[in-house]
Amino acid sequence: MLIRRNGTVARPVTLLLAVLLASGLAGAVRADDAAETAGVVAEAPAWPESTLSGDWGGARQRRFDAGVQVDLVYTADYLRNHRGGLQRGGAYVGNLNLAVQLDGEKLIGWQGGSAYLALISNSGGRFNLNKVGSFMGVDNLEAPVNRSGVFEAWLQQSFLDDRASLRAGLYPIDSEFYVTDSSGVFVHPSFGMAAEAADFGSLAGPSIYATSSYGARLRLDPDPAWYAMLAVTRGIASERIDTAGPNMSWQRGVGSMLIGEVGFSPLKSGLLVDPPGVGEDDGDYSPISKLAVGLWRFSPRFPQLSAVDAAGEPLSSTHWGAYLLAEQTVYRVPATQRDLTLFARYGFTDGRTSTLGYSVSAGLSFRGPFAGRENDTFGLAATRAHADPQGRLQLASEAGVPLSSNNETVVELTYQAQVLPGVAVQPLIQRIFNPGLYLPDSTVAGVRLQLTL
């Protein structure tokens, strides 16, 4: 059962999505005719090879041809803190994600139109909160509170021959901004949205997992090698984040966040030559190549964490930050999908309105590390977050003890193995240095099970 948090749901958007979905389900019975007349060019996913339930006897393909794609993924983690942190012990953390993608042109003749709806349901314990005490977190599934509901719901219009698009609705910025695909295998949250950008300011924070807000995004792709994005979203109130669910209504949000990102592909632009192994019997192989810079800021001005004026009132500052990221495939086993990709990211903030001054991360992912295991991925990465002076004062006050460090550092080693179509098992180990900037070093080990249904 889906729970409507705060008595609200993304009503205008979800209503239109429901109409589109109903049109798609009704049209699915005529999918063969629709496919012929619409000239479907998009390639359907290989469901028998990538899901547990396959093609549903051809029903999935018919719905896809009619403009509807439905994906259901269940992820369960069991992690155990073996030493350090707050206390020894383990916990389960789970997430169920139902995603519906709609092609507006196939459904109702809406040229260049599309829609997306994602519902999530979180479950399990508070592993980091109760066992580790890491400032950056431990598991990218863990949410402040377990709720179910609409997390992402937007409509998109493409134009200029698909060189531009406008998206609006419930929009988490970490779905497109500050993203490195090669770091997606890791369980630690800071390899998704980086720690300094995910850190909530004194007044509000960004629309990211596990709570989204309303916003709009404009994307331009003037050339295959270049892109630019600009988005504005409602801020998530800092005082409500510990009790918020999958989305926050416009009325309960605070201020707004403006974020922009410009990036390009060094390979496609000709700045780099193909890495070893690329260009030989390529087929559908495409190496990762990305270099991007981003800038974000909130309005209105935020109170500083600890600085006050002569009257004892908090000084105010603009809550802002910037980041640089890069990822590049550096080697490919010829004539296979097996490759090695490196990534690095650095971001900083104003350092006065949020705890962290900067964070840095780097790592590698090796897809198909062994012959015959092309769907497996090995990953090794490290990330560090640094607290500036005002942030350290606040953390020490909250902890009630002096801090032992200015930095928290995490190293993660993981191996994701596809054991069956739609079934992935992923053991991992994390070493967390100075969790919370005052706790003893922690060693976390666990396993992730992911079922794509």
Protein backbone atom coordinates (compact mmCIF):
# COMPACT_ATOMS: atom_id res chain seq x y z
CA MET A 1 0.00 0.00 0.00
CA LEU A 2 1.32 3.43 -0.95
CA ILE A 3 1.21 6.05 1.76
CA ARG A 4 0.60 9.68 0.83
CA ARG A 5 3.06 11.66 2.91
CA ASN A 6 1.84 14.93 4.38
CA GLY A 7 -1.50 14.27 2.68
CA THR A 8 -0.10 15.24 -0.72
CA VAL A 9 0.92 13.58 -3.94
CA ALA A 10 2.21 15.12 -7.17
CA ARG A 11 -1.41 15.45 -8.28
CA PRO A 12 -1.27 17.34 -11.60
CA VAL A 13 1.68 15.35 -12.88
CA THR A 14 0.57 11.94 -11.63
CA LEU A 15 -2.95 12.51 -12.99
CA LEU A 16 -1.60 13.07 -16.50
CA LEU A 17 0.76 10.13 -16.06
CA ALA A 18 -2.22 7.98 -15.11
CA VAL A 19 -4.07 9.04 -18.25
CA LEU A 20 -1.05 8.24 -20.40
CA LEU A 21 -0.56 4.91 -18.65
CA ALA A 22 -4.21 3.96 -19.14
CA SER A 23 -3.91 4.82 -22.81
CA GLY A 24 -0.80 2.67 -23.08
CA LEU A 25 -2.31 -0.35 -21.33
CA ALA A 26 -5.40 -0.14 -23.50
CA GLY A 27 -3.32 0.24 -26.62
CA ALA A 28 -1.07 -2.67 -25.69
CA VAL A 29 -3.63 -5.14 -27.03
CA ARG A 30 -3.17 -3.49 -30.45
CA ALA A 31 0.59 -3.23 -30.12
CA ASP A 32 1.43 -5.16 -33.28
CA ASP A 33 -0.59 -2.76 -35.43
CA ALA A 34 0.76 0.22 -33.51
CA ALA A 35 4.32 -0.91 -34.02
CA GLU A 36 3.80 -1.20 -37.74
CA THR A 37 2.12 2.18 -38.19
CA ALA A 38 4.31 4.13 -35.77
CA GLY A 39 7.61 2.84 -37.16
CA VAL A 40 9.13 1.98 -33.79
CA VAL A 41 12.87 2.56 -33.85
CA ALA A 42 13.78 2.31 -30.17
CA GLU A 43 15.28 -1.05 -29.27
CA ALA A 44 13.52 -2.93 -26.51
CA PRO A 45 15.53 -4.18 -23.51
CA ALA A 46 16.65 -7.82 -23.58
CA TRP A 47 14.23 -8.91 -20.88
CA PRO A 48 14.99 -12.67 -20.94
CA GLU A 49 18.69 -11.90 -20.33
CA SER A 50 18.24 -9.08 -17.80
CA THR A 51 15.14 -9.89 -15.72
CA LEU A 52 13.76 -12.73 -13.63
CA SER A 53 10.31 -12.68 -15.19
CA GLY A 54 11.39 -12.33 -18.82
CA ASP A 55 9.10 -10.97 -21.52
CA TRP A 56 5.84 -12.11 -19.87
CA GLY A 57 4.95 -14.22 -22.85
CA GLY A 58 5.42 -11.30 -25.22
CA ALA A 59 3.30 -8.89 -23.15
CA ARG A 60 6.27 -6.75 -22.22
CA GLN A 61 7.27 -6.31 -25.87
CA ARG A 62 3.69 -5.43 -26.83
CA ARG A 63 3.51 -2.80 -24.10
CA PHE A 64 6.90 -1.43 -25.13
CA ASP A 65 5.74 -1.16 -28.75
CA ALA A 66 2.65 0.65 -27.49
CA GLY A 67 4.78 3.14 -25.52
CA VAL A 68 4.88 1.69 -22.00
CA GLN A 69 7.87 0.20 -20.22
CA VAL A 70 7.50 -1.13 -16.67
CA ASP A 71 10.49 -2.08 -14.47
CA LEU A 72 10.42 -3.45 -10.94
CA VAL A 73 13.62 -3.79 -8.90
CA TYR A 74 13.99 -5.02 -5.33
CA THR A 75 17.30 -4.43 -3.54
CA ALA A 76 18.20 -5.83 -0.12
CA ASP A 77 21.41 -5.20 1.81
CA TYR A 78 22.71 -6.85 4.94
CA LEU A 79 25.62 -4.98 6.52
CA ARG A 80 27.53 -5.66 9.72
CA ASN A 81 29.86 -3.38 11.64
CA HIS A 82 32.68 -5.60 12.87
CA ARG A 83 34.64 -2.98 14.80
CA GLY A 84 34.76 0.71 15.66
CA GLY A 85 31.97 3.21 15.03
CA LEU A 86 29.14 3.28 17.57
CA GLN A 87 28.74 -0.43 18.27
CA ARG A 88 29.10 -3.84 16.68
CA GLY A 89 26.11 -5.36 14.98
CA GLY A 90 24.25 -5.73 11.72
CA ALA A 91 21.04 -4.65 10.01
CA TYR A 92 19.00 -5.20 6.87
CA VAL A 93 18.17 -2.29 4.54
CA GLY A 94 15.76 -2.68 1.61
CA ASN A 95 14.26 -0.76 -1.28
CA LEU A 96 11.53 -1.58 -3.80
CA ASN A 97 11.45 0.57 -6.95
CA LEU A 98 8.65 0.52 -9.52
CA ALA A 99 9.39 2.62 -12.61
CA VAL A 100 7.05 3.35 -15.53
CA GLN A 101 8.37 5.04 -18.68
CA LEU A 102 5.86 6.41 -21.19
CA ASP A 103 6.36 7.39 -24.82
CA GLY A 104 3.90 10.18 -25.49
CA GLU A 105 4.10 9.92 -29.28
CA LYS A 106 3.23 6.22 -29.31
CA LEU A 107 0.48 6.65 -26.72
CA ILE A 108 -1.42 9.77 -27.77
CA GLY A 109 0.50 11.23 -30.71
CA TRP A 110 2.36 13.73 -28.52
CA GLN A 111 5.42 14.34 -30.66
CA GLY A 112 8.60 14.60 -28.60
CA GLY A 113 6.69 13.97 -25.38
CA SER A 114 7.54 11.47 -22.67
CA ALA A 115 6.81 10.83 -19.02
CA TYR A 116 8.29 8.96 -16.10
CA LEU A 117 6.88 7.74 -12.81
CA ALA A 118 8.84 6.06 -10.00
CA LEU A 119 7.39 4.76 -6.75
CA ILE A 120 9.67 3.60 -3.96
CA SER A 121 9.20 1.75 -0.71
CA ASN A 122 11.99 1.73 1.88
CA SER A 123 12.34 -0.87 4.62
CA GLY A 124 14.78 -2.18 7.21
CA GLY A 125 16.82 -0.70 10.02
CA ARG A 126 19.01 2.36 10.53
CA PHE A 127 22.38 0.70 10.15
CA ASN A 128 24.53 3.81 9.99
CA LEU A 129 22.51 5.74 12.57
CA ASN A 130 22.62 2.93 15.13
CA LYS A 131 25.86 1.07 14.39
CA VAL A 132 28.46 3.21 12.61
CA GLY A 133 27.79 6.95 13.02
CA SER A 134 29.43 7.94 9.73
CA PHE A 135 28.77 11.52 8.65
CA MET A 136 28.70 10.54 4.97
CA GLY A 137 26.62 7.41 5.52
CA VAL A 138 27.31 3.78 4.68
CA ASP A 139 24.50 2.48 2.46
CA ASN A 140 22.87 4.37 -0.42
CA LEU A 141 19.52 2.71 0.34
CA GLU A 142 19.24 3.89 3.94
CA ALA A 143 16.63 6.62 4.41
CA PRO A 144 15.84 8.77 7.46
CA VAL A 145 12.39 7.17 7.69
CA ASN A 146 10.76 4.19 5.98
CA ARG A 147 7.93 5.35 3.76
CA SER A 148 6.30 4.39 0.46
CA GLY A 149 5.11 6.72 -2.27
CA VAL A 150 5.87 8.70 -5.40
CA PHE A 151 9.54 9.68 -5.59
CA GLU A 152 9.90 10.82 -9.19
CA ALA A 153 7.16 11.98 -11.58
CA TRP A 154 7.82 14.23 -14.53
CA LEU A 155 6.78 15.16 -18.05
CA GLN A 156 9.33 15.93 -20.75
CA GLN A 157 9.14 17.73 -24.08
CA SER A 158 11.94 17.32 -26.61
CA PHE A 159 12.47 19.84 -29.40
CA LEU A 160 15.05 21.08 -31.93
CA ASP A 161 15.31 17.56 -33.40
CA ASP A 162 15.94 16.09 -29.94
CA ARG A 163 18.86 18.43 -29.34
CA ALA A 164 16.98 20.02 -26.43
CA SER A 165 14.47 18.92 -23.82
CA LEU A 166 12.49 20.44 -20.97
CA ARG A 167 11.51 18.27 -17.98
CA ALA A 168 9.18 19.31 -15.12
CA GLY A 169 7.60 17.64 -12.10
CA LEU A 170 8.95 15.79 -9.09
CA TYR A 171 12.60 15.86 -10.04
CA PRO A 172 15.59 14.55 -8.01
CA ILE A 173 18.71 16.29 -9.28
CA ASP A 174 20.95 13.27 -8.60
CA SER A 175 19.22 11.47 -11.48
CA GLU A 176 21.24 13.60 -13.94
CA PHE A 177 23.56 16.06 -12.17
CA TYR A 178 26.94 15.22 -10.59
CA VAL A 179 26.72 11.70 -12.06
CA THR A 180 29.58 9.35 -12.94
CA ASP A 181 28.27 6.10 -14.40
CA SER A 182 31.37 4.13 -13.44
CA SER A 183 30.83 4.83 -9.71
CA GLY A 184 27.28 3.49 -9.79
CA VAL A 185 28.33 0.00 -8.68
CA PHE A 186 29.32 1.15 -5.19
CA VAL A 187 27.07 0.91 -2.14
CA HIS A 188 28.44 3.94 -0.29
CA PRO A 189 26.13 6.96 -0.87
CA SER A 190 28.92 9.44 -1.64
CA PHE A 191 29.69 7.67 -4.92
CA GLY A 192 26.25 8.82 -6.04
CA MET A 193 25.59 12.44 -5.09
CA ALA A 194 28.87 13.59 -3.54
CA ALA A 195 28.94 14.28 0.19
CA GLU A 196 29.42 18.06 0.11
CA ALA A 197 26.52 18.62 -2.31
CA ALA A 198 24.25 16.14 -0.49
CA ASP A 199 25.00 17.77 2.87
CA PHE A 200 22.03 19.84 4.01
CA GLY A 201 22.63 23.50 4.77
CA SER A 202 21.42 25.38 7.82
CA LEU A 203 18.07 26.06 6.10
CA ALA A 204 17.52 23.53 3.30
CA GLY A 205 19.05 20.84 1.13
CA PRO A 206 18.79 19.39 -2.38
CA SER A 207 16.11 17.27 -4.03
CA ILE A 208 17.89 13.90 -3.96
CA TYR A 209 17.22 10.36 -2.73
CA ALA A 210 15.33 9.68 -0.51
CA THR A 211 13.18 12.84 -0.69
CA SER A 212 12.42 14.71 -3.92
CA SER A 213 10.76 18.04 -4.62
CA TYR A 214 9.21 19.87 -7.55
CA GLY A 215 11.46 21.34 -10.21
CA ALA A 216 12.25 21.82 -13.87
CA ARG A 217 15.29 20.96 -15.97
CA LEU A 218 16.45 22.23 -19.37
CA ARG A 219 19.02 20.18 -21.30
CA LEU A 220 20.82 21.15 -24.51
CA ASP A 221 22.86 18.78 -26.70
CA PRO A 222 24.18 21.06 -29.46
CA ASP A 223 26.76 18.50 -30.55
CA PRO A 224 27.22 14.75 -29.88
CA ALA A 225 30.29 15.59 -27.81
CA TRP A 226 28.79 18.39 -25.68
CA TYR A 227 25.85 18.96 -23.35
CA ALA A 228 24.58 21.60 -20.92
CA MET A 229 21.91 21.34 -18.20
CA LEU A 230 20.19 23.86 -15.98
CA ALA A 231 17.64 23.00 -13.27
CA VAL A 232 15.72 24.74 -10.51
CA THR A 233 14.03 22.80 -7.71
CA ARG A 234 12.29 23.54 -4.45
CA GLY A 235 14.58 23.17 -1.42
CA ILE A 236 13.98 20.36 1.06
CA ALA A 237 13.56 21.91 4.52
CA SER A 238 16.43 20.84 6.80
CA GLU A 239 14.14 20.67 9.83
CA ARG A 240 11.85 18.19 8.06
CA ILE A 241 14.34 15.81 6.44
CA ASP A 242 14.38 13.33 9.35
CA THR A 243 10.63 12.77 9.03
CA ALA A 244 10.10 13.36 5.31
CA GLY A 245 9.06 10.59 2.94
CA PRO A 246 9.61 10.08 -0.81
CA ASN A 247 8.54 13.60 -1.78
CA MET A 248 7.95 17.02 -0.24
CA SER A 249 5.10 19.30 -1.23
CA TRP A 250 5.80 22.76 -2.60
CA GLN A 251 4.25 24.37 0.48
CA ARG A 252 6.52 22.48 2.90
CA GLY A 253 9.68 23.19 0.90
CA VAL A 254 12.06 26.06 1.67
CA GLY A 255 13.63 28.36 -0.91
CA SER A 256 14.99 27.03 -4.17
CA MET A 257 18.12 25.45 -5.61
CA LEU A 258 19.60 26.43 -8.96
CA ILE A 259 22.13 24.04 -10.49
CA GLY A 260 23.93 24.01 -13.82
CA GLU A 261 26.34 21.57 -15.45
CA VAL A 262 28.34 21.65 -18.67
CA GLY A 263 30.19 18.62 -19.96
CA PHE A 264 31.72 16.96 -22.96
CA SER A 265 33.20 13.67 -24.13
CA PRO A 266 36.99 13.92 -24.65
CA LEU A 267 36.78 10.91 -26.99
CA LYS A 268 33.95 12.23 -29.15
CA SER A 269 35.51 15.69 -29.28
CA GLY A 270 38.83 14.26 -30.50
CA LEU A 271 40.74 15.45 -27.46
CA LEU A 272 41.66 11.83 -26.61
CA VAL A 273 42.35 8.86 -28.82
CA ASP A 274 40.54 5.57 -28.32
CA PRO A 275 41.94 3.54 -25.42
CA PRO A 276 43.58 0.17 -26.10
CA GLY A 277 41.06 -2.38 -27.35
CA VAL A 278 38.50 0.18 -28.55
CA GLY A 279 37.80 0.29 -32.26
CA GLU A 280 38.39 -3.41 -32.77
CA ASP A 281 35.15 -5.24 -33.65
CA ASP A 282 33.20 -2.58 -31.77
CA GLY A 283 29.66 -3.68 -32.53
CA ASP A 284 27.44 -1.88 -30.02
CA TYR A 285 30.30 -1.14 -27.60
CA SER A 286 30.64 2.45 -26.36
CA PRO A 287 33.40 3.51 -23.95
CA ILE A 288 32.71 5.94 -21.11
CA SER A 289 34.24 9.38 -21.62
CA LYS A 290 33.08 12.42 -19.67
CA LEU A 291 34.47 15.64 -18.26
CA ALA A 292 32.06 18.08 -16.59
CA VAL A 293 31.90 21.10 -14.32
CA GLY A 294 28.92 22.18 -12.25
CA LEU A 295 27.79 25.07 -10.06
CA TRP A 296 24.86 25.29 -7.61
CA ARG A 297 23.38 27.80 -5.21
CA PHE A 298 20.35 28.22 -2.98
CA SER A 299 18.11 31.19 -2.30
CA PRO A 300 17.36 32.95 -0.03
CA ARG A 301 20.51 33.47 2.02
CA PHE A 302 21.13 30.91 4.78
CA PRO A 303 22.15 31.56 8.40
CA GLN A 304 25.79 30.70 9.01
CA LEU A 305 26.34 27.72 11.28
CA SER A 306 28.06 29.52 14.16
CA ALA A 307 29.15 33.05 13.20
CA VAL A 308 27.05 35.83 14.75
CA ASP A 309 26.97 39.62 14.62
CA ALA A 310 27.43 42.10 17.51
CA ALA A 311 23.82 41.54 18.60
CA GLY A 312 24.30 37.76 18.72
CA GLU A 313 22.20 37.15 15.62
CA PRO A 314 23.50 34.60 13.07
CA LEU A 315 25.27 36.08 10.08
CA SER A 316 23.83 35.09 6.71
CA SER A 317 25.56 33.87 3.56
CA THR A 318 24.74 32.39 0.18
CA HIS A 319 24.69 28.61 0.31
CA TRP A 320 26.56 27.54 -2.83
CA GLY A 321 29.09 25.11 -4.25
CA ALA A 322 30.84 23.86 -7.37
CA TYR A 323 32.24 20.58 -8.65
CA LEU A 324 34.45 18.96 -11.27
CA LEU A 325 34.15 15.35 -12.39
CA ALA A 326 35.84 13.08 -14.90
CA GLU A 327 35.53 9.45 -15.95
CA GLN A 328 37.24 7.62 -18.76
CA THR A 329 37.47 4.08 -20.06
CA VAL A 330 41.20 3.38 -20.27
CA TYR A 331 41.23 -0.23 -21.46
CA ARG A 332 38.97 -2.69 -23.24
CA VAL A 333 39.54 -6.39 -23.81
CA PRO A 334 39.30 -6.52 -27.62
CA ALA A 335 36.02 -7.71 -29.16
CA THR A 336 34.26 -7.91 -25.76
CA GLN A 337 32.22 -5.74 -23.38
CA ARG A 338 34.96 -6.11 -20.73
CA ASP A 339 36.61 -2.80 -19.86
CA LEU A 340 38.33 -0.75 -17.16
CA THR A 341 37.08 2.75 -16.32
CA LEU A 342 38.55 5.32 -13.92
CA PHE A 343 36.69 8.20 -12.27
CA ALA A 344 37.53 11.21 -10.09
CA ARG A 345 35.38 13.95 -8.55
CA TYR A 346 35.99 17.06 -6.47
CA GLY A 347 33.46 19.48 -5.06
CA PHE A 348 33.44 22.34 -2.56
CA THR A 349 30.96 24.61 -0.79
CA ASP A 350 30.96 28.07 0.77
CA GLY A 351 31.95 26.35 4.04
CA ARG A 352 29.84 28.62 6.27
CA THR A 353 26.26 27.44 5.82
CA SER A 354 26.85 23.67 5.72
CA THR A 355 29.12 21.31 7.62
CA LEU A 356 31.39 20.15 4.80
CA GLY A 357 33.85 22.37 3.00
CA TYR A 358 34.77 19.89 0.28
CA SER A 359 34.84 16.25 -0.72
CA VAL A 360 36.97 14.28 -3.14
CA SER A 361 36.57 10.78 -4.52
CA ALA A 362 38.31 8.51 -7.01
CA GLY A 363 38.13 4.92 -8.06
CA LEU A 364 37.90 2.29 -10.75
CA SER A 365 35.35 -0.17 -12.05
CA PHE A 366 36.31 -3.23 -14.07
CA ARG A 367 33.40 -4.63 -16.01
CA GLY A 368 33.88 -8.32 -16.83
CA PRO A 369 37.08 -8.85 -14.80
CA PHE A 370 37.15 -12.53 -15.81
CA ALA A 371 36.58 -14.24 -19.14
CA GLY A 372 33.04 -15.57 -19.31
CA ARG A 373 31.84 -13.08 -16.64
CA GLU A 374 31.13 -10.01 -18.78
CA ASN A 375 28.15 -8.97 -16.64
CA ASP A 376 30.16 -8.88 -13.41
CA THR A 377 31.81 -5.70 -12.10
CA PHE A 378 34.74 -5.25 -9.72
CA GLY A 379 35.07 -1.90 -7.99
CA LEU A 380 37.59 -0.15 -5.75
CA ALA A 381 37.13 3.47 -4.67
CA ALA A 382 37.85 5.98 -1.92
CA THR A 383 36.17 9.20 -0.83
CA ARG A 384 37.05 11.88 1.72
CA ALA A 385 34.91 14.65 3.20
CA HIS A 386 36.39 17.67 5.00
CA ALA A 387 34.60 19.81 7.59
CA ASP A 388 35.42 23.52 7.68
CA PRO A 389 35.75 25.46 11.00
CA GLN A 390 32.07 26.35 11.45
CA GLY A 391 31.08 22.81 10.53
CA ARG A 392 33.51 21.36 13.06
CA LEU A 393 32.07 23.57 15.80
CA GLN A 394 28.57 22.35 15.02
CA LEU A 395 29.59 18.69 14.85
CA ALA A 396 31.46 18.91 18.16
CA SER A 397 28.43 20.54 19.77
CA GLU A 398 26.11 17.82 18.47
CA ALA A 399 28.49 15.01 19.49
CA GLY A 400 29.15 16.47 22.92
CA VAL A 401 32.83 15.49 22.65
CA PRO A 402 35.90 17.02 20.97
CA LEU A 403 36.47 15.96 17.37
CA SER A 404 39.49 13.78 16.63
CA SER A 405 39.82 14.74 12.96
CA ASN A 406 38.76 17.27 10.32
CA ASN A 407 38.15 14.54 7.73
CA GLU A 408 36.16 11.35 7.28
CA THR A 409 37.54 8.88 4.72
CA VAL A 410 35.98 5.73 3.27
CA VAL A 411 37.48 2.99 1.12
CA GLU A 412 35.13 0.46 -0.51
CA LEU A 413 35.97 -2.81 -2.23
CA THR A 414 33.11 -4.62 -3.98
CA TYR A 415 32.30 -7.27 -6.58
CA GLN A 416 28.91 -7.43 -8.28
CA ALA A 417 28.16 -10.85 -9.79
CA GLN A 418 25.17 -11.69 -11.98
CA VAL A 419 24.33 -15.23 -10.89
CA LEU A 420 21.11 -15.55 -12.91
CA PRO A 421 19.23 -13.32 -15.35
CA GLY A 422 17.89 -10.51 -13.17
CA VAL A 423 19.73 -11.69 -10.03
CA ALA A 424 22.89 -9.96 -8.83
CA VAL A 425 24.81 -10.70 -5.64
CA GLN A 426 27.33 -8.13 -4.44
CA PRO A 427 29.66 -8.69 -1.48
CA LEU A 428 31.45 -5.59 -0.20
CA ILE A 429 33.72 -4.27 2.49
CA GLN A 430 34.17 -0.69 3.67
CA ARG A 431 36.86 0.76 5.89
CA ILE A 432 35.68 4.03 7.44
CA PHE A 433 38.32 6.26 9.01
CA ASN A 434 37.16 8.75 11.67
CA PRO A 435 33.41 8.18 11.31
CA GLY A 436 31.56 11.27 12.44
CA LEU A 437 35.02 12.89 12.87
CA TYR A 438 35.23 11.58 16.45
CA LEU A 439 34.49 7.82 16.51
CA PRO A 440 37.00 4.95 16.21
CA ASP A 441 37.69 3.59 12.73
CA SER A 442 34.99 1.20 11.51
CA THR A 443 35.11 -1.95 9.38
CA VAL A 444 31.86 -2.81 7.62
CA ALA A 445 31.23 -5.94 5.56
CA GLY A 446 28.06 -7.08 3.89
CA VAL A 447 26.25 -8.22 0.80
CA ARG A 448 23.68 -6.75 -1.58
CA LEU A 449 21.03 -8.81 -3.37
CA GLN A 450 19.31 -7.17 -6.33
CA LEU A 451 16.34 -8.71 -8.11
CA THR A 452 15.22 -7.19 -11.42
CA LEU A 453 11.73 -8.55 -11.96
